Amino acid sequence: MPEFDDAVLKCFLENQEQLFPEGRVCEDLDEARDFLEENFAIVVNSVEEVMEYFEEEGLDLEGLDADSILEADEVFEVGDGRYIIIEG
């Protein structure tokens, strides 16, 4: 099971409306951790790893640049070069 540090948890907690515009699903860091674990979230260390993830998942990236991929609702920029990807 992945370990999510406070920076990752705070990022998701503060930006969860990006994925759930209808309202918050988590109210604190523990709930954020539970949500990320239950939804098979991963943390990657670069834009390149985000692109690799989507390629491995079979997404056709032709014609898409990194900025387009990073705008996906399920991709969250932590702010320290890492990204959260919500899988489930």
Protein backbone atom coordinates (compact mmCIF):
# COMPACT_ATOMS: atom_id res chain seq x y z
CA MET A 1 0.00 0.00 0.00
CA PRO A 2 1.47 3.38 -0.96
CA GLU A 3 2.41 5.88 1.67
CA PHE A 4 1.09 9.39 1.13
CA ASP A 5 3.00 12.15 2.89
CA ASP A 6 1.40 15.33 4.23
CA ALA A 7 2.21 17.36 1.08
CA VAL A 8 0.33 14.85 -1.07
CA LEU A 9 -2.61 14.65 1.34
CA LYS A 10 -2.88 18.43 1.65
CA CYS A 11 -2.72 18.83 -2.12
CA PHE A 12 -5.63 16.45 -2.65
CA LEU A 13 -7.62 17.86 0.26
CA GLU A 14 -7.25 21.44 -1.01
CA ASN A 15 -7.92 20.60 -4.68
CA GLN A 16 -10.44 17.76 -4.54
CA GLU A 17 -13.14 19.88 -6.23
CA GLN A 18 -11.08 19.50 -9.41
CA LEU A 19 -12.23 15.86 -9.49
CA PHE A 20 -15.52 16.35 -7.61
CA PRO A 21 -17.03 19.72 -8.59
CA GLU A 22 -20.27 18.75 -6.85
CA GLY A 23 -18.59 18.99 -3.46
CA ARG A 24 -15.94 17.78 -1.08
CA VAL A 25 -15.47 14.08 -0.42
CA CYS A 26 -12.80 14.52 2.29
CA GLU A 27 -12.73 16.84 5.26
CA ASP A 28 -9.34 16.06 6.81
CA LEU A 29 -5.98 14.41 6.10
CA ASP A 30 -7.11 10.98 7.36
CA GLU A 31 -10.10 10.99 5.03
CA ALA A 32 -7.86 12.14 2.17
CA ARG A 33 -5.47 9.23 2.86
CA ASP A 34 -8.36 6.76 2.94
CA PHE A 35 -9.77 8.11 -0.31
CA LEU A 36 -6.41 7.97 -2.11
CA GLU A 37 -5.80 4.41 -0.91
CA GLU A 38 -9.30 3.23 -1.83
CA ASN A 39 -9.02 4.74 -5.30
CA PHE A 40 -5.57 3.34 -6.05
CA ALA A 41 -3.94 6.75 -6.36
CA ILE A 42 -0.28 6.86 -7.25
CA VAL A 43 2.34 9.57 -6.85
CA VAL A 44 4.84 10.10 -9.64
CA ASN A 45 7.93 12.28 -9.62
CA SER A 46 7.75 14.13 -12.94
CA VAL A 47 5.65 15.16 -15.92
CA GLU A 48 7.41 12.42 -17.88
CA GLU A 49 6.16 9.81 -15.40
CA VAL A 50 2.61 11.16 -15.76
CA MET A 51 2.89 10.71 -19.54
CA GLU A 52 4.35 7.21 -19.11
CA TYR A 53 1.50 6.24 -16.79
CA PHE A 54 -1.15 7.24 -19.32
CA GLU A 55 0.73 5.52 -22.15
CA GLU A 56 0.92 2.31 -20.09
CA GLU A 57 -2.81 2.57 -19.39
CA GLY A 58 -3.42 2.60 -23.13
CA LEU A 59 -4.47 6.23 -23.52
CA ASP A 60 -3.83 7.55 -27.02
CA LEU A 61 -1.59 10.55 -26.39
CA GLU A 62 -1.12 11.44 -30.04
CA GLY A 63 -1.65 15.15 -30.50
CA LEU A 64 -1.67 15.81 -26.76
CA ASP A 65 1.09 17.75 -25.05
CA ALA A 66 2.11 17.53 -21.42
CA ASP A 67 0.01 20.57 -20.49
CA SER A 68 -3.12 18.88 -21.85
CA ILE A 69 -2.41 15.72 -19.87
CA LEU A 70 -1.74 17.69 -16.68
CA GLU A 71 -5.13 19.39 -17.04
CA ALA A 72 -6.91 16.04 -16.67
CA ASP A 73 -9.26 16.01 -13.68
CA GLU A 74 -7.51 12.99 -12.17
CA VAL A 75 -4.03 14.60 -12.17
CA PHE A 76 -3.04 16.83 -9.25
CA GLU A 77 0.20 18.83 -9.10
CA VAL A 78 1.62 18.54 -5.59
CA GLY A 79 3.86 21.57 -6.10
CA ASP A 80 7.24 19.96 -5.47
CA GLY A 81 7.61 18.31 -8.87
CA ARG A 82 5.37 15.38 -7.97
CA TYR A 83 1.93 14.56 -9.26
CA ILE A 84 -0.96 12.52 -7.86
CA ILE A 85 -2.89 10.39 -10.32
CA ILE A 86 -6.25 9.03 -9.19
CA GLU A 87 -6.64 5.63 -10.83
CA GLY A 88 -10.02 4.40 -9.62
